[in-house]
Structures are given as C-alpha cells and as structure tokens.
Amino acid sequence: MRRKIPSNSALMAFEASARHGSFARAADELALTEGAISRQIGRLEVFLGVTLFERIGNRVRLLPNGERYAAQVRETLDRLERDSQYLMGQPSDGASLDIAILPTFATRWLIPRLKPFQERHPHITLHLAERMEPFVLTGSGFDAAIHFEHPAWTGMRTHRLLHEVLVPVCHPVLIRGRDPATALDALPRLHRRQNPDAWQRYAEEAGVVLTNPAIGPRYDLHSMQIEAALAGLGVALVPRLYIESELAEGRLVAPWPDGESISKTFCLILPEPIRLSEAPIQVFANWLLEEARSSDPTP
C-alpha cells in the first residue's frame, strides 16, 4: 500500500517558511527562488486539503492548522536528520548497540571499564543514552537497558548485575579530629531527592541516633551527592560501588558502617535470551555479566 506522505521538498519548504515566517527567507536558506517555495507550499496545501498560510499581499501568516503541522513536521525532519547522521557514522564493517542506562551508573561504573572492552571488540560501537525511569524496551530503538530491577520489565529477560548498598562518606577534613559516632549527627547530611527516607532507614539499621534525619540539601542524582561530598558540603549516603576510587585515593572517607540492606539491584535488560540475541549483544552481555561478577562484593 502506497503511503500518503508529501514530498520531502514540500515538507522542507514548508518547515523553513513556517520557521522564518517568510517565503523569501525560506528560499534563501534552501537556495531556491521564492516562486519555487510558493509552488511547493501550494502543492502541499492541495495534497493536504488544508490552507496552511494566509497570503496578505507579499506577506504570509501561518494559520493555526499550519502552526500545529509545522511543529509536527519539524520534529519529524529533526528525527530523520538525526537518524541519517547516526547511520552515516556507523562503521561499514562493524556493529553498534544502543544502550539505555542510568546516568550515574554509566559515569561512575560502566564507562571507566569500557576501554578493555573497546580494545577487545573494536568492531562494536556502544551508544549510551540516559533513561531515569523504566520504559517499554520493545520498539524503543534500544538494544538493551541497564537499570534497576523493576516490575515494568516483566516479559523482558533481566540479568542481575550489582547490588546497591549505601554507605555514608565525606571529605576527610570534615571528620578530622572528631569522633565518627557523634560527628554523623552533627555534620550536614546530603540527600537524594528520590530517596527521602534513606537516612532514616540507615540510622535504624546501623543503630545510630540522628536528631532529624530529614534535614539537609537534596540532589537529584547520586553523582551530584558525590560531588557535593568531595566539595566538603556534608555527608553523602551513596552506593559504595560508585566511590571505590575516591575511597582508595583518600579523597573521601567512610568511617561509618555500610548499610545492611540492599537498596536496589542493577540489571541488564534484554528483549530476548542472550543465546538468541544477535552476536554483538551476546558479546556485550557476557562481558558485562563477567565484569559485574568480578566487582560485586555482595553475595
């Protein structure tokens, strides 16, 4: 069945005219004559059966239907341009994977480990995109997701990677010469906005007294909390797996016990079993699972 879609030239002429509010300026941008732009718009209006512009002498004004259509056409053309440039950038003899991932997990855990993978598999290009919330993987354009275990992934193949165990950390200057047992209640406590009761749960598990666990600044991401702790702004309650290098280098200290409960579990989510996936996905999935096994201290 033939699609009822206007020509690309008509859509580009319309989008440029709508954006500039002028056929003449659209003609300059597209290296066409003003008459050619006018004819393209006319053909588009006939095709749609809708008047898009009001002609007033030599001036044109976008009508309400035209405004709505212009926004939709612009979004479609932008997406088509992005997809085309993406495809143009693909190696002719390789493969690429699009991975949806939690931003802090990407920057603090995955990306620092990618160089050996890249050296072993130079034909596989990984594209990482931030996704904070679970989504429907099928039809999303992603080959896989790295996210928290969640009911939204029902029907997908989930493979557990790492457990998120929280630990309080701070800049060493804040704790210098102080008793850690009493300092935790006195120092500013940094919060993650999505987990407002994390400090309360930690205090109950660790058996420490916090006068008011909810007091303190809130941040959207664990990465923000970590940077705030590095800047000496207070004590951050963050996953230990994110700050191993800072602890080893002495840039952060953790004189308090780790949380006892597992906060969340990171998973690799695939639309089908690894063995039935395409070869590049199999390679990445098996490498990722091995990396997780070798770095997870929790049972």
C-alpha atoms as a PDB file:
ATOM      1  CA  MET A   1       0.000   0.000   0.000  1.00  0.00           C
ATOM      2  CA  ARG A   2       1.388   3.353  -1.038  1.00  0.00           C
ATOM      3  CA  ARG A   3       1.907   5.811   1.828  1.00  0.00           C
ATOM      4  CA  LYS A   4       0.090   9.140   1.709  1.00  0.00           C
ATOM      5  CA  ILE A   5       3.079  11.314   2.524  1.00  0.00           C
ATOM      6  CA  PRO A   6       4.003  14.675   0.973  1.00  0.00           C
ATOM      7  CA  SER A   7       7.309  15.012  -0.837  1.00  0.00           C
ATOM      8  CA  ASN A   8      10.442  15.822   1.149  1.00  0.00           C
ATOM      9  CA  SER A   9      10.965  19.012  -0.863  1.00  0.00           C
ATOM     10  CA  ALA A  10       7.474  20.234   0.008  1.00  0.00           C
ATOM     11  CA  LEU A  11       7.921  19.465   3.699  1.00  0.00           C
ATOM     12  CA  MET A  12      11.323  21.169   3.836  1.00  0.00           C
ATOM     13  CA  ALA A  13       9.961  24.237   2.054  1.00  0.00           C
ATOM     14  CA  PHE A  14       7.012  24.375   4.445  1.00  0.00           C
ATOM     15  CA  GLU A  15       9.120  23.921   7.582  1.00  0.00           C
ATOM     16  CA  ALA A  16      11.571  26.650   6.555  1.00  0.00           C
ATOM     17  CA  SER A  17       8.744  29.026   5.601  1.00  0.00           C
ATOM     18  CA  ALA A  18       6.941  28.402   8.879  1.00  0.00           C
ATOM     19  CA  ARG A  19      10.117  28.901  10.892  1.00  0.00           C
ATOM     20  CA  HIS A  20      11.044  32.152   9.140  1.00  0.00           C
ATOM     21  CA  GLY A  21       7.507  33.407   8.590  1.00  0.00           C
ATOM     22  CA  SER A  22       8.601  34.263   5.063  1.00  0.00           C
ATOM     23  CA  PHE A  23       8.793  32.519   1.698  1.00  0.00           C
ATOM     24  CA  ALA A  24      11.698  34.760   0.698  1.00  0.00           C
ATOM     25  CA  ARG A  25      13.874  33.843   3.687  1.00  0.00           C
ATOM     26  CA  ALA A  26      12.997  30.168   3.243  1.00  0.00           C
ATOM     27  CA  ALA A  27      14.103  30.464  -0.390  1.00  0.00           C
ATOM     28  CA  ASP A  28      17.442  31.941   0.703  1.00  0.00           C
ATOM     29  CA  GLU A  29      18.018  29.116   3.172  1.00  0.00           C
ATOM     30  CA  LEU A  30      17.183  26.366   0.690  1.00  0.00           C
ATOM     31  CA  ALA A  31      18.890  28.040  -2.296  1.00  0.00           C
ATOM     32  CA  LEU A  32      15.623  28.205  -4.245  1.00  0.00           C
ATOM     33  CA  THR A  33      13.574  31.022  -5.734  1.00  0.00           C
ATOM     34  CA  GLU A  34      10.676  32.498  -3.806  1.00  0.00           C
ATOM     35  CA  GLY A  35       8.400  31.295  -6.593  1.00  0.00           C
ATOM     36  CA  ALA A  36       9.634  27.719  -6.173  1.00  0.00           C
ATOM     37  CA  ILE A  37       8.898  27.868  -2.446  1.00  0.00           C
ATOM     38  CA  SER A  38       5.428  29.252  -3.115  1.00  0.00           C
ATOM     39  CA  ARG A  39       4.687  26.450  -5.591  1.00  0.00           C
ATOM     40  CA  GLN A  40       5.879  23.786  -3.132  1.00  0.00           C
ATOM     41  CA  ILE A  41       3.624  25.203  -0.409  1.00  0.00           C
ATOM     42  CA  GLY A  42       0.727  25.334  -2.847  1.00  0.00           C
ATOM     43  CA  ARG A  43       1.199  21.682  -3.802  1.00  0.00           C
ATOM     44  CA  LEU A  44       1.383  20.749  -0.130  1.00  0.00           C
ATOM     45  CA  GLU A  45      -1.864  22.562   0.652  1.00  0.00           C
ATOM     46  CA  VAL A  46      -3.590  20.814  -2.259  1.00  0.00           C
ATOM     47  CA  PHE A  47      -2.243  17.450  -1.094  1.00  0.00           C
ATOM     48  CA  LEU A  48      -3.498  18.041   2.462  1.00  0.00           C
ATOM     49  CA  GLY A  49      -6.703  19.800   1.504  1.00  0.00           C
ATOM     50  CA  VAL A  50      -5.874  22.430   4.133  1.00  0.00           C
ATOM     51  CA  THR A  51      -4.743  26.050   3.838  1.00  0.00           C
ATOM     52  CA  LEU A  52      -1.570  26.463   5.867  1.00  0.00           C
ATOM     53  CA  PHE A  53      -0.712  30.116   5.229  1.00  0.00           C
ATOM     54  CA  GLU A  54      -2.776  33.263   4.870  1.00  0.00           C
ATOM     55  CA  ARG A  55      -1.474  35.363   1.969  1.00  0.00           C
ATOM     56  CA  ILE A  56      -1.690  39.121   2.522  1.00  0.00           C
ATOM     57  CA  GLY A  57      -0.102  40.889  -0.412  1.00  0.00           C
ATOM     58  CA  ASN A  58       3.571  39.978  -0.358  1.00  0.00           C
ATOM     59  CA  ARG A  59       3.348  38.766   3.243  1.00  0.00           C
ATOM     60  CA  VAL A  60       2.317  35.366   4.621  1.00  0.00           C
ATOM     61  CA  ARG A  61       0.994  34.382   8.024  1.00  0.00           C
ATOM     62  CA  LEU A  62       0.878  30.859   9.406  1.00  0.00           C
ATOM     63  CA  LEU A  63      -2.660  29.758  10.270  1.00  0.00           C
ATOM     64  CA  PRO A  64      -3.474  27.635  13.366  1.00  0.00           C
ATOM     65  CA  ASN A  65      -3.545  24.378  11.374  1.00  0.00           C
ATOM     66  CA  GLY A  66      -0.229  25.376   9.862  1.00  0.00           C
ATOM     67  CA  GLU A  67       1.305  26.057  13.282  1.00  0.00           C
ATOM     68  CA  ARG A  68       0.362  22.605  14.562  1.00  0.00           C
ATOM     69  CA  TYR A  69       1.529  20.890  11.394  1.00  0.00           C
ATOM     70  CA  ALA A  70       4.795  22.858  11.377  1.00  0.00           C
ATOM     71  CA  ALA A  71       5.689  21.615  14.871  1.00  0.00           C
ATOM     72  CA  GLN A  72       4.990  18.019  13.830  1.00  0.00           C
ATOM     73  CA  VAL A  73       6.917  18.312  10.565  1.00  0.00           C
ATOM     74  CA  ARG A  74       9.882  19.954  12.315  1.00  0.00           C
ATOM     75  CA  GLU A  75      10.051  17.137  14.867  1.00  0.00           C
ATOM     76  CA  THR A  76       9.879  14.524  12.102  1.00  0.00           C
ATOM     77  CA  LEU A  77      12.565  16.188   9.980  1.00  0.00           C
ATOM     78  CA  ASP A  78      14.825  16.628  13.015  1.00  0.00           C
ATOM     79  CA  ARG A  79      14.446  12.959  13.899  1.00  0.00           C
ATOM     80  CA  LEU A  80      15.084  11.897  10.299  1.00  0.00           C
ATOM     81  CA  GLU A  81      18.226  14.043  10.198  1.00  0.00           C
ATOM     82  CA  ARG A  82      19.500  12.578  13.481  1.00  0.00           C
ATOM     83  CA  ASP A  83      18.819   9.031  12.324  1.00  0.00           C
ATOM     84  CA  SER A  84      20.526   9.677   8.982  1.00  0.00           C
ATOM     85  CA  GLN A  85      23.628  11.159  10.606  1.00  0.00           C
ATOM     86  CA  TYR A  86      23.682   8.262  13.065  1.00  0.00           C
ATOM     87  CA  LEU A  87      23.644   5.747  10.207  1.00  0.00           C
ATOM     88  CA  MET A  88      26.298   7.684   8.277  1.00  0.00           C
ATOM     89  CA  GLY A  89      28.558   7.408  11.317  1.00  0.00           C
ATOM     90  CA  GLN A  90      28.363   3.625  11.543  1.00  0.00           C
ATOM     91  CA  PRO A  91      31.482   1.652  10.574  1.00  0.00           C
ATOM     92  CA  SER A  92      30.930  -0.318   7.394  1.00  0.00           C
ATOM     93  CA  ASP A  93      32.494  -3.482   8.811  1.00  0.00           C
ATOM     94  CA  GLY A  94      31.209  -3.257  12.386  1.00  0.00           C
ATOM     95  CA  ALA A  95      28.133  -3.184  14.580  1.00  0.00           C
ATOM     96  CA  SER A  96      26.642  -0.741  17.040  1.00  0.00           C
ATOM     97  CA  LEU A  97      24.488  -1.157  20.139  1.00  0.00           C
ATOM     98  CA  ASP A  98      22.155   1.398  21.676  1.00  0.00           C
ATOM     99  CA  ILE A  99      22.022   1.030  25.450  1.00  0.00           C
ATOM    100  CA  ALA A 100      19.615   2.882  27.767  1.00  0.00           C
ATOM    101  CA  ILE A 101      21.280   3.391  31.130  1.00  0.00           C
ATOM    102  CA  LEU A 102      21.012   5.178  34.454  1.00  0.00           C
ATOM    103  CA  PRO A 103      23.301   8.222  34.219  1.00  0.00           C
ATOM    104  CA  THR A 104      25.321   7.786  37.414  1.00  0.00           C
ATOM    105  CA  PHE A 105      25.821   4.079  36.786  1.00  0.00           C
ATOM    106  CA  ALA A 106      27.131   4.996  33.346  1.00  0.00           C
ATOM    107  CA  THR A 107      29.584   7.647  34.502  1.00  0.00           C
ATOM    108  CA  ARG A 108      30.738   6.084  37.775  1.00  0.00           C
ATOM    109  CA  TRP A 109      30.826   2.363  36.928  1.00  0.00           C
ATOM    110  CA  LEU A 110      30.380   1.383  33.264  1.00  0.00           C
ATOM    111  CA  ILE A 111      32.340   3.994  31.312  1.00  0.00           C
ATOM    112  CA  PRO A 112      35.539   3.636  33.404  1.00  0.00           C
ATOM    113  CA  ARG A 113      35.512  -0.082  32.495  1.00  0.00           C
ATOM    114  CA  LEU A 114      34.825   0.251  28.769  1.00  0.00           C
ATOM    115  CA  LYS A 115      38.365   0.691  27.430  1.00  0.00           C
ATOM    116  CA  PRO A 116      39.316  -3.023  27.700  1.00  0.00           C
ATOM    117  CA  PHE A 117      36.015  -3.937  26.024  1.00  0.00           C
ATOM    118  CA  GLN A 118      36.721  -1.449  23.240  1.00  0.00           C
ATOM    119  CA  GLU A 119      40.221  -2.825  22.733  1.00  0.00           C
ATOM    120  CA  ARG A 120      38.980  -6.434  22.614  1.00  0.00           C
ATOM    121  CA  HIS A 121      35.987  -5.652  20.374  1.00  0.00           C
ATOM    122  CA  PRO A 122      36.859  -2.631  18.209  1.00  0.00           C
ATOM    123  CA  HIS A 123      34.147  -3.574  15.706  1.00  0.00           C
ATOM    124  CA  ILE A 124      31.371  -2.925  18.289  1.00  0.00           C
ATOM    125  CA  THR A 125      30.373   0.684  18.949  1.00  0.00           C
ATOM    126  CA  LEU A 126      28.341   1.373  22.092  1.00  0.00           C
ATOM    127  CA  HIS A 127      25.921   4.291  22.191  1.00  0.00           C
ATOM    128  CA  LEU A 128      24.730   5.196  25.713  1.00  0.00           C
ATOM    129  CA  ALA A 129      21.591   7.211  26.398  1.00  0.00           C
ATOM    130  CA  GLU A 130      20.253   8.339  29.761  1.00  0.00           C
ATOM    131  CA  ARG A 131      16.960   6.891  30.974  1.00  0.00           C
ATOM    132  CA  MET A 132      15.934   7.609  34.563  1.00  0.00           C
ATOM    133  CA  GLU A 133      12.637   5.701  34.558  1.00  0.00           C
ATOM    134  CA  PRO A 134      11.724   2.182  33.373  1.00  0.00           C
ATOM    135  CA  PHE A 135      10.139   2.070  29.915  1.00  0.00           C
ATOM    136  CA  VAL A 136       8.863  -0.374  27.307  1.00  0.00           C
ATOM    137  CA  LEU A 137      12.026  -1.759  25.724  1.00  0.00           C
ATOM    138  CA  THR A 138      10.337  -3.337  22.714  1.00  0.00           C
ATOM    139  CA  GLY A 139      10.056  -0.794  19.919  1.00  0.00           C
ATOM    140  CA  SER A 140      12.065   1.820  21.832  1.00  0.00           C
ATOM    141  CA  GLY A 141      15.053   1.726  19.493  1.00  0.00           C
ATOM    142  CA  PHE A 142      17.313   0.382  22.259  1.00  0.00           C
ATOM    143  CA  ASP A 143      19.039  -2.981  22.090  1.00  0.00           C
ATOM    144  CA  ALA A 144      19.284  -3.273  25.869  1.00  0.00           C
ATOM    145  CA  ALA A 145      18.858  -1.347  29.102  1.00  0.00           C
ATOM    146  CA  ILE A 146      20.894  -1.185  32.301  1.00  0.00           C
ATOM    147  CA  HIS A 147      18.532  -0.191  35.070  1.00  0.00           C
ATOM    148  CA  PHE A 148      17.088  -1.086  38.433  1.00  0.00           C
ATOM    149  CA  GLU A 149      15.139  -4.277  38.919  1.00  0.00           C
ATOM    150  CA  HIS A 150      11.501  -3.235  38.466  1.00  0.00           C
ATOM    151  CA  PRO A 151       8.085  -4.809  37.674  1.00  0.00           C
ATOM    152  CA  ALA A 152       7.993  -2.705  34.496  1.00  0.00           C
ATOM    153  CA  TRP A 153      10.490  -5.120  32.939  1.00  0.00           C
ATOM    154  CA  THR A 154       8.050  -8.053  33.149  1.00  0.00           C
ATOM    155  CA  GLY A 155       8.269 -10.058  29.938  1.00  0.00           C
ATOM    156  CA  MET A 156      11.858  -8.981  29.293  1.00  0.00           C
ATOM    157  CA  ARG A 157      14.966 -11.013  30.129  1.00  0.00           C
ATOM    158  CA  THR A 158      16.591  -9.487  33.226  1.00  0.00           C
ATOM    159  CA  HIS A 159      20.085 -10.398  34.401  1.00  0.00           C
ATOM    160  CA  ARG A 160      21.193  -9.198  37.827  1.00  0.00           C
ATOM    161  CA  LEU A 161      24.446  -7.267  37.819  1.00  0.00           C
ATOM    162  CA  LEU A 162      25.175  -5.497  41.111  1.00  0.00           C
ATOM    163  CA  HIS A 163      23.535  -4.707  44.415  1.00  0.00           C
ATOM    164  CA  GLU A 164      23.307  -1.106  45.589  1.00  0.00           C
ATOM    165  CA  VAL A 165      24.450  -0.928  49.218  1.00  0.00           C
ATOM    166  CA  LEU A 166      24.616   2.591  50.642  1.00  0.00           C
ATOM    167  CA  VAL A 167      27.470   3.936  52.768  1.00  0.00           C
ATOM    168  CA  PRO A 168      27.947   7.397  54.354  1.00  0.00           C
ATOM    169  CA  VAL A 169      31.032   9.213  53.020  1.00  0.00           C
ATOM    170  CA  CYS A 170      32.509  12.673  53.428  1.00  0.00           C
ATOM    171  CA  HIS A 171      35.599  14.750  52.762  1.00  0.00           C
ATOM    172  CA  PRO A 172      38.353  13.758  55.234  1.00  0.00           C
ATOM    173  CA  VAL A 173      38.624  17.338  56.529  1.00  0.00           C
ATOM    174  CA  LEU A 174      35.092  17.159  57.940  1.00  0.00           C
ATOM    175  CA  ILE A 175      35.896  14.220  60.202  1.00  0.00           C
ATOM    176  CA  ARG A 176      39.427  15.150  61.195  1.00  0.00           C
ATOM    177  CA  GLY A 177      39.843  15.158  64.994  1.00  0.00           C
ATOM    178  CA  ARG A 178      36.205  14.186  65.566  1.00  0.00           C
ATOM    179  CA  ASP A 179      34.552  11.064  66.933  1.00  0.00           C
ATOM    180  CA  PRO A 180      32.709   9.487  63.961  1.00  0.00           C
ATOM    181  CA  ALA A 181      29.984   8.162  66.269  1.00  0.00           C
ATOM    182  CA  THR A 182      28.866  11.674  67.232  1.00  0.00           C
ATOM    183  CA  ALA A 183      30.010  13.534  64.097  1.00  0.00           C
ATOM    184  CA  LEU A 184      27.401  11.903  61.861  1.00  0.00           C
ATOM    185  CA  ASP A 185      24.582  13.633  63.750  1.00  0.00           C
ATOM    186  CA  ALA A 186      26.408  16.966  63.821  1.00  0.00           C
ATOM    187  CA  LEU A 187      27.557  17.143  60.200  1.00  0.00           C
ATOM    188  CA  PRO A 188      25.266  18.264  57.330  1.00  0.00           C
ATOM    189  CA  ARG A 189      23.636  15.275  55.654  1.00  0.00           C
ATOM    190  CA  LEU A 190      23.146  15.211  51.873  1.00  0.00           C
ATOM    191  CA  HIS A 191      20.017  13.561  50.448  1.00  0.00           C
ATOM    192  CA  ARG A 192      18.937  12.064  47.150  1.00  0.00           C
ATOM    193  CA  ARG A 193      15.567  13.514  46.231  1.00  0.00           C
ATOM    194  CA  GLN A 194      14.111  10.168  45.146  1.00  0.00           C
ATOM    195  CA  ASN A 195      15.017   8.516  48.492  1.00  0.00           C
ATOM    196  CA  PRO A 196      13.942  10.987  51.192  1.00  0.00           C
ATOM    197  CA  ASP A 197      13.856   8.314  53.923  1.00  0.00           C
ATOM    198  CA  ALA A 198      17.266   6.785  53.161  1.00  0.00           C
ATOM    199  CA  TRP A 199      18.982   8.371  56.157  1.00  0.00           C
ATOM    200  CA  GLN A 200      16.184   7.267  58.492  1.00  0.00           C
ATOM    201  CA  ARG A 201      16.486   3.662  57.280  1.00  0.00           C
ATOM    202  CA  TYR A 202      20.259   3.784  57.574  1.00  0.00           C
ATOM    203  CA  ALA A 203      20.092   5.084  61.167  1.00  0.00           C
ATOM    204  CA  GLU A 204      17.739   2.270  62.147  1.00  0.00           C
ATOM    205  CA  GLU A 205      19.946  -0.408  60.534  1.00  0.00           C
ATOM    206  CA  ALA A 206      23.225   0.985  61.862  1.00  0.00           C
ATOM    207  CA  GLY A 207      21.875   1.717  65.339  1.00  0.00           C
ATOM    208  CA  VAL A 208      22.944   5.366  65.265  1.00  0.00           C
ATOM    209  CA  VAL A 209      20.960   8.331  66.546  1.00  0.00           C
ATOM    210  CA  LEU A 210      20.171  11.126  64.094  1.00  0.00           C
ATOM    211  CA  THR A 211      18.310  14.034  65.674  1.00  0.00           C
ATOM    212  CA  ASN A 212      16.458  14.890  62.467  1.00  0.00           C
ATOM    213  CA  PRO A 213      17.331  12.534  59.590  1.00  0.00           C
ATOM    214  CA  ALA A 214      15.372  14.566  57.006  1.00  0.00           C
ATOM    215  CA  ILE A 215      17.310  17.821  57.370  1.00  0.00           C
ATOM    216  CA  GLY A 216      19.800  18.705  54.636  1.00  0.00           C
ATOM    217  CA  PRO A 217      20.042  19.630  50.944  1.00  0.00           C
ATOM    218  CA  ARG A 218      18.584  17.337  48.297  1.00  0.00           C
ATOM    219  CA  TYR A 219      20.059  16.324  44.952  1.00  0.00           C
ATOM    220  CA  ASP A 220      18.516  14.503  42.004  1.00  0.00           C
ATOM    221  CA  LEU A 221      21.457  12.192  41.289  1.00  0.00           C
ATOM    222  CA  HIS A 222      23.962  10.211  43.314  1.00  0.00           C
ATOM    223  CA  SER A 223      26.669  11.813  41.155  1.00  0.00           C
ATOM    224  CA  MET A 224      25.603  15.220  42.491  1.00  0.00           C
ATOM    225  CA  GLN A 225      25.787  13.945  46.060  1.00  0.00           C
ATOM    226  CA  ILE A 226      29.275  12.586  45.441  1.00  0.00           C
ATOM    227  CA  GLU A 227      30.487  15.901  44.035  1.00  0.00           C
ATOM    228  CA  ALA A 228      28.942  17.722  46.996  1.00  0.00           C
ATOM    229  CA  ALA A 229      30.752  15.385  49.400  1.00  0.00           C
ATOM    230  CA  LEU A 230      34.026  15.930  47.555  1.00  0.00           C
ATOM    231  CA  ALA A 231      33.465  19.676  47.920  1.00  0.00           C
ATOM    232  CA  GLY A 232      33.132  19.251  51.704  1.00  0.00           C
ATOM    233  CA  LEU A 233      29.439  20.155  51.817  1.00  0.00           C
ATOM    234  CA  GLY A 234      28.437  17.285  54.075  1.00  0.00           C
ATOM    235  CA  VAL A 235      27.992  13.528  54.384  1.00  0.00           C
ATOM    236  CA  ALA A 236      26.521  11.723  51.380  1.00  0.00           C
ATOM    237  CA  LEU A 237      24.743   8.362  51.600  1.00  0.00           C
ATOM    238  CA  VAL A 238      25.715   6.775  48.283  1.00  0.00           C
ATOM    239  CA  PRO A 239      26.330   3.349  46.724  1.00  0.00           C
ATOM    240  CA  ARG A 240      29.791   2.093  47.612  1.00  0.00           C
ATOM    241  CA  LEU A 241      30.315   0.847  44.055  1.00  0.00           C
ATOM    242  CA  TYR A 242      30.289   4.473  42.859  1.00  0.00           C
ATOM    243  CA  ILE A 243      33.053   5.766  45.129  1.00  0.00           C
ATOM    244  CA  GLU A 244      35.613   2.967  45.380  1.00  0.00           C
ATOM    245  CA  SER A 245      38.334   5.013  43.651  1.00  0.00           C
ATOM    246  CA  GLU A 246      37.709   8.090  45.822  1.00  0.00           C
ATOM    247  CA  LEU A 247      37.957   5.950  48.959  1.00  0.00           C
ATOM    248  CA  ALA A 248      41.142   4.247  47.735  1.00  0.00           C
ATOM    249  CA  GLU A 249      42.715   7.632  46.923  1.00  0.00           C
ATOM    250  CA  GLY A 250      41.654   9.148  50.265  1.00  0.00           C
ATOM    251  CA  ARG A 251      39.570  11.879  48.654  1.00  0.00           C
ATOM    252  CA  LEU A 252      36.561  10.540  50.555  1.00  0.00           C
ATOM    253  CA  VAL A 253      36.417   8.609  53.813  1.00  0.00           C
ATOM    254  CA  ALA A 254      33.814   6.200  55.178  1.00  0.00           C
ATOM    255  CA  PRO A 255      34.342   5.825  58.957  1.00  0.00           C
ATOM    256  CA  TRP A 256      30.774   4.592  59.397  1.00  0.00           C
ATOM    257  CA  PRO A 257      29.408   1.104  58.650  1.00  0.00           C
ATOM    258  CA  ASP A 258      27.793   0.263  55.332  1.00  0.00           C
ATOM    259  CA  GLY A 259      24.040  -0.062  55.215  1.00  0.00           C
ATOM    260  CA  GLU A 260      22.868  -3.587  55.985  1.00  0.00           C
ATOM    261  CA  SER A 261      20.079  -3.885  53.445  1.00  0.00           C
ATOM    262  CA  ILE A 262      20.361  -3.887  49.682  1.00  0.00           C
ATOM    263  CA  SER A 263      18.781  -0.681  48.463  1.00  0.00           C
ATOM    264  CA  LYS A 264      18.298  -1.688  44.832  1.00  0.00           C
ATOM    265  CA  THR A 265      19.651  -4.147  42.282  1.00  0.00           C
ATOM    266  CA  PHE A 266      21.096  -3.162  38.916  1.00  0.00           C
ATOM    267  CA  CYS A 267      20.108  -5.372  35.998  1.00  0.00           C
ATOM    268  CA  LEU A 268      20.810  -5.855  32.331  1.00  0.00           C
ATOM    269  CA  ILE A 269      17.502  -5.987  30.482  1.00  0.00           C
ATOM    270  CA  LEU A 270      17.213  -7.647  27.080  1.00  0.00           C
ATOM    271  CA  PRO A 271      14.207  -8.302  24.851  1.00  0.00           C
ATOM    272  CA  GLU A 272      15.182 -11.973  24.401  1.00  0.00           C
ATOM    273  CA  PRO A 273      17.580 -14.551  25.902  1.00  0.00           C
ATOM    274  CA  ILE A 274      21.285 -13.871  25.430  1.00  0.00           C
ATOM    275  CA  ARG A 275      21.784 -17.060  23.412  1.00  0.00           C
ATOM    276  CA  LEU A 276      19.080 -15.958  20.934  1.00  0.00           C
ATOM    277  CA  SER A 277      20.344 -12.400  20.632  1.00  0.00           C
ATOM    278  CA  GLU A 278      22.476 -11.106  17.799  1.00  0.00           C
ATOM    279  CA  ALA A 279      26.221 -11.678  18.162  1.00  0.00           C
ATOM    280  CA  PRO A 280      27.184  -8.101  19.253  1.00  0.00           C
ATOM    281  CA  ILE A 281      24.569  -8.190  22.025  1.00  0.00           C
ATOM    282  CA  GLN A 282      25.815 -11.589  23.168  1.00  0.00           C
ATOM    283  CA  VAL A 283      29.381 -10.280  23.326  1.00  0.00           C
ATOM    284  CA  PHE A 284      28.426  -7.181  25.311  1.00  0.00           C
ATOM    285  CA  ALA A 285      26.039  -9.015  27.649  1.00  0.00           C
ATOM    286  CA  ASN A 286      28.544 -11.757  28.512  1.00  0.00           C
ATOM    287  CA  TRP A 287      31.320  -9.202  29.086  1.00  0.00           C
ATOM    288  CA  LEU A 288      29.064  -7.068  31.301  1.00  0.00           C
ATOM    289  CA  LEU A 289      27.938 -10.018  33.416  1.00  0.00           C
ATOM    290  CA  GLU A 290      31.546 -11.085  33.944  1.00  0.00           C
ATOM    291  CA  GLU A 291      32.562  -7.543  34.925  1.00  0.00           C
ATOM    292  CA  ALA A 292      29.724  -7.439  37.432  1.00  0.00           C
ATOM    293  CA  ARG A 293      30.648 -10.809  38.937  1.00  0.00           C
ATOM    294  CA  SER A 294      34.263  -9.786  39.378  1.00  0.00           C
ATOM    295  CA  SER A 295      33.452  -6.457  41.055  1.00  0.00           C
ATOM    296  CA  ASP A 296      30.431  -7.184  43.255  1.00  0.00           C
ATOM    297  CA  PRO A 297      31.483  -7.833  46.886  1.00  0.00           C
ATOM    298  CA  THR A 298      27.934  -8.704  47.996  1.00  0.00           C
ATOM    299  CA  PRO A 299      26.644 -12.248  47.867  1.00  0.00           C
END
